[in-house]
Amino acid sequence: EQYIIIDEAQNLTPHEMKTIITRAGEGTKIVITGDPYQIDIPYLDSESNGLSIAVEKLKAEKIVGHVTLTKGERSVLADLAAKFF
């Protein structure tokens, strides 16, 4: 078994996400994390980034799981910044 962990995936384009996923061999597990509301790339938004596109396209597949976390763990200040900016 092999594991691929992708962090900050909201900053990937759909093409970059596809490139990573299509390179996974048999038995490979991919864990993708990110927050579509914390994008650092000017030409991506909460709906057009690779993370959001992958979730939307793959959510009905039996071999795919998706978890949305609703509580921030950094700080109250970080939660406020995410909410208002």
PDB file of N, CA and C in Angstrom:
ATOM      1  N   GLU A   1       0.830  -1.187   0.000  1.00  0.00           N
ATOM      2  CA  GLU A   1       0.000   0.000   0.000  1.00  0.00           C
ATOM      3  C   GLU A   1       0.872   1.247   0.000  1.00  0.00           C
ATOM      4  N   GLN A   2       0.366   2.255  -0.645  1.00  0.00           N
ATOM      5  CA  GLN A   2       1.021   3.556  -0.643  1.00  0.00           C
ATOM      6  C   GLN A   2      -0.006   4.607  -0.245  1.00  0.00           C
ATOM      7  N   TYR A   3       0.470   5.663   0.385  1.00  0.00           N
ATOM      8  CA  TYR A   3      -0.382   6.779   0.767  1.00  0.00           C
ATOM      9  C   TYR A   3       0.149   8.058   0.147  1.00  0.00           C
ATOM     10  N   ILE A   4      -0.766   8.856  -0.355  1.00  0.00           N
ATOM     11  CA  ILE A   4      -0.447  10.196  -0.839  1.00  0.00           C
ATOM     12  C   ILE A   4      -1.275  11.154  -0.003  1.00  0.00           C
ATOM     13  N   ILE A   5      -0.636  12.128   0.617  1.00  0.00           N
ATOM     14  CA  ILE A   5      -1.345  13.140   1.403  1.00  0.00           C
ATOM     15  C   ILE A   5      -1.129  14.486   0.732  1.00  0.00           C
ATOM     16  N   ILE A   6      -2.222  15.136   0.386  1.00  0.00           N
ATOM     17  CA  ILE A   6      -2.176  16.445  -0.264  1.00  0.00           C
ATOM     18  C   ILE A   6      -2.806  17.448   0.691  1.00  0.00           C
ATOM     19  N   ASP A   7      -2.026  18.408   1.146  1.00  0.00           N
ATOM     20  CA  ASP A   7      -2.527  19.449   2.045  1.00  0.00           C
ATOM     21  C   ASP A   7      -2.669  20.754   1.263  1.00  0.00           C
ATOM     22  N   GLU A   8      -3.542  21.621   1.709  1.00  0.00           N
ATOM     23  CA  GLU A   8      -3.800  22.911   1.053  1.00  0.00           C
ATOM     24  C   GLU A   8      -4.260  22.715  -0.397  1.00  0.00           C
ATOM     25  N   ALA A   9      -5.062  21.684  -0.630  1.00  0.00           N
ATOM     26  CA  ALA A   9      -5.491  21.324  -1.986  1.00  0.00           C
ATOM     27  C   ALA A   9      -6.410  22.358  -2.623  1.00  0.00           C
ATOM     28  N   GLN A  10      -6.915  23.295  -1.843  1.00  0.00           N
ATOM     29  CA  GLN A  10      -7.738  24.365  -2.410  1.00  0.00           C
ATOM     30  C   GLN A  10      -6.929  25.252  -3.344  1.00  0.00           C
ATOM     31  N   ASN A  11      -5.613  25.171  -3.264  1.00  0.00           N
ATOM     32  CA  ASN A  11      -4.748  25.978  -4.130  1.00  0.00           C
ATOM     33  C   ASN A  11      -4.332  25.250  -5.407  1.00  0.00           C
ATOM     34  N   LEU A  12      -4.890  24.073  -5.632  1.00  0.00           N
ATOM     35  CA  LEU A  12      -4.614  23.334  -6.864  1.00  0.00           C
ATOM     36  C   LEU A  12      -5.669  23.659  -7.914  1.00  0.00           C
ATOM     37  N   THR A  13      -5.245  23.688  -9.159  1.00  0.00           N
ATOM     38  CA  THR A  13      -6.211  23.812 -10.254  1.00  0.00           C
ATOM     39  C   THR A  13      -6.856  22.445 -10.464  1.00  0.00           C
ATOM     40  N   PRO A  14      -7.998  22.405 -11.139  1.00  0.00           N
ATOM     41  CA  PRO A  14      -8.594  21.104 -11.461  1.00  0.00           C
ATOM     42  C   PRO A  14      -7.627  20.204 -12.240  1.00  0.00           C
ATOM     43  N   HIS A  15      -6.850  20.779 -13.144  1.00  0.00           N
ATOM     44  CA  HIS A  15      -5.890  19.982 -13.915  1.00  0.00           C
ATOM     45  C   HIS A  15      -4.804  19.389 -13.019  1.00  0.00           C
ATOM     46  N   GLU A  16      -4.302  20.171 -12.076  1.00  0.00           N
ATOM     47  CA  GLU A  16      -3.288  19.660 -11.148  1.00  0.00           C
ATOM     48  C   GLU A  16      -3.855  18.539 -10.282  1.00  0.00           C
ATOM     49  N   MET A  17      -5.102  18.705  -9.822  1.00  0.00           N
ATOM     50  CA  MET A  17      -5.741  17.668  -9.015  1.00  0.00           C
ATOM     51  C   MET A  17      -5.892  16.386  -9.829  1.00  0.00           C
ATOM     52  N   LYS A  18      -6.356  16.514 -11.063  1.00  0.00           N
ATOM     53  CA  LYS A  18      -6.509  15.346 -11.934  1.00  0.00           C
ATOM     54  C   LYS A  18      -5.163  14.663 -12.153  1.00  0.00           C
ATOM     55  N   THR A  19      -4.127  15.446 -12.377  1.00  0.00           N
ATOM     56  CA  THR A  19      -2.794  14.887 -12.603  1.00  0.00           C
ATOM     57  C   THR A  19      -2.346  14.047 -11.415  1.00  0.00           C
ATOM     58  N   ILE A  20      -2.553  14.532 -10.214  1.00  0.00           N
ATOM     59  CA  ILE A  20      -2.151  13.788  -9.012  1.00  0.00           C
ATOM     60  C   ILE A  20      -2.973  12.512  -8.865  1.00  0.00           C
ATOM     61  N   ILE A  21      -4.295  12.625  -8.977  1.00  0.00           N
ATOM     62  CA  ILE A  21      -5.165  11.466  -8.767  1.00  0.00           C
ATOM     63  C   ILE A  21      -4.916  10.389  -9.817  1.00  0.00           C
ATOM     64  N   THR A  22      -4.705  10.784 -11.057  1.00  0.00           N
ATOM     65  CA  THR A  22      -4.517   9.782 -12.114  1.00  0.00           C
ATOM     66  C   THR A  22      -3.170   9.082 -12.037  1.00  0.00           C
ATOM     67  N   ARG A  23      -2.264   9.545 -11.212  1.00  0.00           N
ATOM     68  CA  ARG A  23      -0.965   8.886 -11.044  1.00  0.00           C
ATOM     69  C   ARG A  23      -0.989   7.821  -9.954  1.00  0.00           C
ATOM     70  N   ALA A  24      -2.082   7.721  -9.220  1.00  0.00           N
ATOM     71  CA  ALA A  24      -2.176   6.759  -8.122  1.00  0.00           C
ATOM     72  C   ALA A  24      -2.303   5.342  -8.675  1.00  0.00           C
ATOM     73  N   GLY A  25      -1.459   4.448  -8.172  1.00  0.00           N
ATOM     74  CA  GLY A  25      -1.499   3.057  -8.594  1.00  0.00           C
ATOM     75  C   GLY A  25      -2.500   2.251  -7.782  1.00  0.00           C
ATOM     76  N   GLU A  26      -2.655   0.995  -8.155  1.00  0.00           N
ATOM     77  CA  GLU A  26      -3.559   0.082  -7.457  1.00  0.00           C
ATOM     78  C   GLU A  26      -3.166  -0.009  -5.985  1.00  0.00           C
ATOM     79  N   GLY A  27      -4.141   0.105  -5.097  1.00  0.00           N
ATOM     80  CA  GLY A  27      -3.897   0.020  -3.667  1.00  0.00           C
ATOM     81  C   GLY A  27      -3.465   1.319  -3.012  1.00  0.00           C
ATOM     82  N   THR A  28      -3.308   2.369  -3.798  1.00  0.00           N
ATOM     83  CA  THR A  28      -2.897   3.663  -3.250  1.00  0.00           C
ATOM     84  C   THR A  28      -4.085   4.357  -2.591  1.00  0.00           C
ATOM     85  N   LYS A  29      -3.851   4.909  -1.442  1.00  0.00           N
ATOM     86  CA  LYS A  29      -4.853   5.712  -0.739  1.00  0.00           C
ATOM     87  C   LYS A  29      -4.429   7.168  -0.847  1.00  0.00           C
ATOM     88  N   ILE A  30      -5.374   8.033  -1.178  1.00  0.00           N
ATOM     89  CA  ILE A  30      -5.087   9.462  -1.275  1.00  0.00           C
ATOM     90  C   ILE A  30      -5.921  10.191  -0.228  1.00  0.00           C
ATOM     91  N   VAL A  31      -5.275  11.002   0.582  1.00  0.00           N
ATOM     92  CA  VAL A  31      -5.954  11.854   1.554  1.00  0.00           C
ATOM     93  C   VAL A  31      -5.726  13.288   1.098  1.00  0.00           C
ATOM     94  N   ILE A  32      -6.821  13.998   0.880  1.00  0.00           N
ATOM     95  CA  ILE A  32      -6.748  15.371   0.374  1.00  0.00           C
ATOM     96  C   ILE A  32      -7.390  16.289   1.402  1.00  0.00           C
ATOM     97  N   THR A  33      -6.666  17.314   1.824  1.00  0.00           N
ATOM     98  CA  THR A  33      -7.218  18.266   2.782  1.00  0.00           C
ATOM     99  C   THR A  33      -7.148  19.677   2.214  1.00  0.00           C
ATOM    100  N   GLY A  34      -8.041  20.509   2.681  1.00  0.00           N
ATOM    101  CA  GLY A  34      -8.019  21.899   2.255  1.00  0.00           C
ATOM    102  C   GLY A  34      -9.288  22.610   2.670  1.00  0.00           C
ATOM    103  N   ASP A  35      -9.271  23.898   2.520  1.00  0.00           N
ATOM    104  CA  ASP A  35     -10.420  24.744   2.841  1.00  0.00           C
ATOM    105  C   ASP A  35     -10.698  25.629   1.638  1.00  0.00           C
ATOM    106  N   PRO A  36     -11.809  25.395   0.929  1.00  0.00           N
ATOM    107  CA  PRO A  36     -12.085  26.176  -0.280  1.00  0.00           C
ATOM    108  C   PRO A  36     -12.314  27.664  -0.019  1.00  0.00           C
ATOM    109  N   TYR A  37     -12.326  28.059   1.249  1.00  0.00           N
ATOM    110  CA  TYR A  37     -12.496  29.479   1.571  1.00  0.00           C
ATOM    111  C   TYR A  37     -11.182  30.123   2.015  1.00  0.00           C
ATOM    112  N   GLN A  38     -10.080  29.407   1.846  1.00  0.00           N
ATOM    113  CA  GLN A  38      -8.757  29.953   2.177  1.00  0.00           C
ATOM    114  C   GLN A  38      -7.823  29.815   0.981  1.00  0.00           C
ATOM    115  N   ILE A  39      -8.257  30.294  -0.150  1.00  0.00           N
ATOM    116  CA  ILE A  39      -7.500  30.165  -1.393  1.00  0.00           C
ATOM    117  C   ILE A  39      -6.515  31.322  -1.532  1.00  0.00           C
ATOM    118  N   ASP A  40      -5.292  30.986  -1.923  1.00  0.00           N
ATOM    119  CA  ASP A  40      -4.228  31.976  -2.099  1.00  0.00           C
ATOM    120  C   ASP A  40      -3.931  32.283  -3.562  1.00  0.00           C
ATOM    121  N   ILE A  41      -4.630  31.651  -4.474  1.00  0.00           N
ATOM    122  CA  ILE A  41      -4.377  31.799  -5.906  1.00  0.00           C
ATOM    123  C   ILE A  41      -5.436  32.726  -6.501  1.00  0.00           C
ATOM    124  N   PRO A  42      -5.049  33.839  -7.121  1.00  0.00           N
ATOM    125  CA  PRO A  42      -6.022  34.843  -7.559  1.00  0.00           C
ATOM    126  C   PRO A  42      -7.027  34.363  -8.609  1.00  0.00           C
ATOM    127  N   TYR A  43      -6.684  33.375  -9.410  1.00  0.00           N
ATOM    128  CA  TYR A  43      -7.598  32.946 -10.471  1.00  0.00           C
ATOM    129  C   TYR A  43      -8.457  31.741 -10.074  1.00  0.00           C
ATOM    130  N   LEU A  44      -8.392  31.321  -8.810  1.00  0.00           N
ATOM    131  CA  LEU A  44      -9.258  30.262  -8.301  1.00  0.00           C
ATOM    132  C   LEU A  44     -10.234  30.850  -7.299  1.00  0.00           C
ATOM    133  N   ASP A  45     -11.397  30.218  -7.183  1.00  0.00           N
ATOM    134  CA  ASP A  45     -12.343  30.622  -6.144  1.00  0.00           C
ATOM    135  C   ASP A  45     -12.891  29.374  -5.456  1.00  0.00           C
ATOM    136  N   SER A  46     -13.852  29.555  -4.554  1.00  0.00           N
ATOM    137  CA  SER A  46     -14.332  28.444  -3.737  1.00  0.00           C
ATOM    138  C   SER A  46     -15.008  27.343  -4.545  1.00  0.00           C
ATOM    139  N   GLU A  47     -15.379  27.627  -5.775  1.00  0.00           N
ATOM    140  CA  GLU A  47     -16.032  26.615  -6.608  1.00  0.00           C
ATOM    141  C   GLU A  47     -15.154  26.097  -7.740  1.00  0.00           C
ATOM    142  N   SER A  48     -14.155  26.865  -8.161  1.00  0.00           N
ATOM    143  CA  SER A  48     -13.365  26.477  -9.335  1.00  0.00           C
ATOM    144  C   SER A  48     -12.042  25.794  -8.995  1.00  0.00           C
ATOM    145  N   ASN A  49     -11.715  25.654  -7.729  1.00  0.00           N
ATOM    146  CA  ASN A  49     -10.437  25.039  -7.345  1.00  0.00           C
ATOM    147  C   ASN A  49     -10.498  23.515  -7.465  1.00  0.00           C
ATOM    148  N   GLY A  50      -9.335  22.899  -7.514  1.00  0.00           N
ATOM    149  CA  GLY A  50      -9.255  21.456  -7.703  1.00  0.00           C
ATOM    150  C   GLY A  50      -9.903  20.644  -6.603  1.00  0.00           C
ATOM    151  N   LEU A  51      -9.834  21.110  -5.364  1.00  0.00           N
ATOM    152  CA  LEU A  51     -10.457  20.403  -4.245  1.00  0.00           C
ATOM    153  C   LEU A  51     -11.969  20.351  -4.417  1.00  0.00           C
ATOM    154  N   SER A  52     -12.588  21.489  -4.645  1.00  0.00           N
ATOM    155  CA  SER A  52     -14.047  21.542  -4.793  1.00  0.00           C
ATOM    156  C   SER A  52     -14.524  20.742  -5.999  1.00  0.00           C
ATOM    157  N   ILE A  53     -13.793  20.832  -7.097  1.00  0.00           N
ATOM    158  CA  ILE A  53     -14.162  20.090  -8.301  1.00  0.00           C
ATOM    159  C   ILE A  53     -14.056  18.584  -8.043  1.00  0.00           C
ATOM    160  N   ALA A  54     -12.981  18.145  -7.388  1.00  0.00           N
ATOM    161  CA  ALA A  54     -12.810  16.719  -7.094  1.00  0.00           C
ATOM    162  C   ALA A  54     -13.932  16.203  -6.199  1.00  0.00           C
ATOM    163  N   VAL A  55     -14.278  16.958  -5.160  1.00  0.00           N
ATOM    164  CA  VAL A  55     -15.365  16.549  -4.271  1.00  0.00           C
ATOM    165  C   VAL A  55     -16.657  16.422  -5.064  1.00  0.00           C
ATOM    166  N   GLU A  56     -16.974  17.408  -5.861  1.00  0.00           N
ATOM    167  CA  GLU A  56     -18.225  17.400  -6.625  1.00  0.00           C
ATOM    168  C   GLU A  56     -18.283  16.230  -7.606  1.00  0.00           C
ATOM    169  N   LYS A  57     -17.205  15.985  -8.322  1.00  0.00           N
ATOM    170  CA  LYS A  57     -17.206  14.941  -9.351  1.00  0.00           C
ATOM    171  C   LYS A  57     -17.118  13.528  -8.777  1.00  0.00           C
ATOM    172  N   LEU A  58     -16.483  13.364  -7.624  1.00  0.00           N
ATOM    173  CA  LEU A  58     -16.228  12.023  -7.096  1.00  0.00           C
ATOM    174  C   LEU A  58     -17.118  11.622  -5.928  1.00  0.00           C
ATOM    175  N   LYS A  59     -17.953  12.519  -5.423  1.00  0.00           N
ATOM    176  CA  LYS A  59     -18.694  12.252  -4.187  1.00  0.00           C
ATOM    177  C   LYS A  59     -19.626  11.044  -4.258  1.00  0.00           C
ATOM    178  N   ALA A  60     -20.109  10.683  -5.427  1.00  0.00           N
ATOM    179  CA  ALA A  60     -21.032   9.556  -5.549  1.00  0.00           C
ATOM    180  C   ALA A  60     -20.319   8.217  -5.746  1.00  0.00           C
ATOM    181  N   GLU A  61     -19.012   8.239  -5.904  1.00  0.00           N
ATOM    182  CA  GLU A  61     -18.259   7.006  -6.148  1.00  0.00           C
ATOM    183  C   GLU A  61     -18.080   6.215  -4.851  1.00  0.00           C
ATOM    184  N   LYS A  62     -18.251   4.902  -4.928  1.00  0.00           N
ATOM    185  CA  LYS A  62     -18.187   4.047  -3.741  1.00  0.00           C
ATOM    186  C   LYS A  62     -16.804   3.998  -3.101  1.00  0.00           C
ATOM    187  N   ILE A  63     -15.756   4.227  -3.867  1.00  0.00           N
ATOM    188  CA  ILE A  63     -14.399   4.139  -3.306  1.00  0.00           C
ATOM    189  C   ILE A  63     -13.915   5.469  -2.738  1.00  0.00           C
ATOM    190  N   VAL A  64     -14.786   6.471  -2.740  1.00  0.00           N
ATOM    191  CA  VAL A  64     -14.416   7.816  -2.292  1.00  0.00           C
ATOM    192  C   VAL A  64     -15.209   8.178  -1.043  1.00  0.00           C
ATOM    193  N   GLY A  65     -14.538   8.779  -0.073  1.00  0.00           N
ATOM    194  CA  GLY A  65     -15.200   9.308   1.109  1.00  0.00           C
ATOM    195  C   GLY A  65     -14.917  10.795   1.232  1.00  0.00           C
ATOM    196  N   HIS A  66     -15.836  11.508   1.849  1.00  0.00           N
ATOM    197  CA  HIS A  66     -15.686  12.960   1.998  1.00  0.00           C
ATOM    198  C   HIS A  66     -16.195  13.368   3.369  1.00  0.00           C
ATOM    199  N   VAL A  67     -15.421  14.172   4.067  1.00  0.00           N
ATOM    200  CA  VAL A  67     -15.800  14.689   5.380  1.00  0.00           C
ATOM    201  C   VAL A  67     -15.641  16.199   5.352  1.00  0.00           C
ATOM    202  N   THR A  68     -16.667  16.915   5.802  1.00  0.00           N
ATOM    203  CA  THR A  68     -16.582  18.367   5.944  1.00  0.00           C
ATOM    204  C   THR A  68     -16.509  18.697   7.429  1.00  0.00           C
ATOM    205  N   LEU A  69     -15.445  19.347   7.827  1.00  0.00           N
ATOM    206  CA  LEU A  69     -15.295  19.777   9.214  1.00  0.00           C
ATOM    207  C   LEU A  69     -15.850  21.188   9.333  1.00  0.00           C
ATOM    208  N   THR A  70     -16.621  21.438  10.364  1.00  0.00           N
ATOM    209  CA  THR A  70     -17.285  22.735  10.493  1.00  0.00           C
ATOM    210  C   THR A  70     -16.708  23.612  11.593  1.00  0.00           C
ATOM    211  N   LYS A  71     -15.850  23.064  12.423  1.00  0.00           N
ATOM    212  CA  LYS A  71     -15.299  23.828  13.537  1.00  0.00           C
ATOM    213  C   LYS A  71     -13.813  24.077  13.309  1.00  0.00           C
ATOM    214  N   GLY A  72     -13.403  25.326  13.416  1.00  0.00           N
ATOM    215  CA  GLY A  72     -11.991  25.666  13.301  1.00  0.00           C
ATOM    216  C   GLY A  72     -11.237  25.277  14.555  1.00  0.00           C
ATOM    217  N   GLU A  73      -9.974  24.935  14.407  1.00  0.00           N
ATOM    218  CA  GLU A  73      -9.156  24.521  15.552  1.00  0.00           C
ATOM    219  C   GLU A  73      -7.988  25.461  15.817  1.00  0.00           C
ATOM    220  N   ARG A  74      -7.848  26.521  15.039  1.00  0.00           N
ATOM    221  CA  ARG A  74      -6.706  27.422  15.230  1.00  0.00           C
ATOM    222  C   ARG A  74      -6.942  28.373  16.394  1.00  0.00           C
ATOM    223  N   SER A  75      -7.913  29.268  16.228  1.00  0.00           N
ATOM    224  CA  SER A  75      -8.207  30.239  17.280  1.00  0.00           C
ATOM    225  C   SER A  75      -9.504  30.953  16.930  1.00  0.00           C
ATOM    226  N   VAL A  76     -10.052  31.647  17.903  1.00  0.00           N
ATOM    227  CA  VAL A  76     -11.245  32.453  17.661  1.00  0.00           C
ATOM    228  C   VAL A  76     -10.935  33.541  16.637  1.00  0.00           C
ATOM    229  N   LEU A  77      -9.762  34.143  16.735  1.00  0.00           N
ATOM    230  CA  LEU A  77      -9.367  35.185  15.786  1.00  0.00           C
ATOM    231  C   LEU A  77      -9.300  34.634  14.362  1.00  0.00           C
ATOM    232  N   ALA A  78      -8.729  33.448  14.187  1.00  0.00           N
ATOM    233  CA  ALA A  78      -8.658  32.832  12.855  1.00  0.00           C
ATOM    234  C   ALA A  78     -10.057  32.542  12.320  1.00  0.00           C
ATOM    235  N   ASP A  79     -10.952  32.084  13.178  1.00  0.00           N
ATOM    236  CA  ASP A  79     -12.339  31.843  12.763  1.00  0.00           C
ATOM    237  C   ASP A  79     -13.009  33.133  12.304  1.00  0.00           C
ATOM    238  N   LEU A  80     -12.789  34.222  13.036  1.00  0.00           N
ATOM    239  CA  LEU A  80     -13.368  35.513  12.650  1.00  0.00           C
ATOM    240  C   LEU A  80     -12.814  35.993  11.315  1.00  0.00           C
ATOM    241  N   ALA A  81     -11.529  35.861  11.117  1.00  0.00           N
ATOM    242  CA  ALA A  81     -10.919  36.278   9.851  1.00  0.00           C
ATOM    243  C   ALA A  81     -11.483  35.473   8.688  1.00  0.00           C
ATOM    244  N   ALA A  82     -11.642  34.165   8.875  1.00  0.00           N
ATOM    245  CA  ALA A  82     -12.208  33.323   7.815  1.00  0.00           C
ATOM    246  C   ALA A  82     -13.651  33.719   7.521  1.00  0.00           C
ATOM    247  N   LYS A  83     -14.375  34.103   8.548  1.00  0.00           N
ATOM    248  CA  LYS A  83     -15.781  34.475   8.381  1.00  0.00           C
ATOM    249  C   LYS A  83     -15.941  35.815   7.662  1.00  0.00           C
ATOM    250  N   PHE A  84     -15.138  36.799   8.015  1.00  0.00           N
ATOM    251  CA  PHE A  84     -15.350  38.155   7.512  1.00  0.00           C
ATOM    252  C   PHE A  84     -14.513  38.538   6.301  1.00  0.00           C
ATOM    253  N   PHE A  85     -13.493  37.785   5.987  1.00  0.00           N
ATOM    254  CA  PHE A  85     -12.662  38.123   4.840  1.00  0.00           C
ATOM    255  C   PHE A  85     -12.763  37.039   3.814  1.00  0.00           C
TER     256      PHE A  85
END
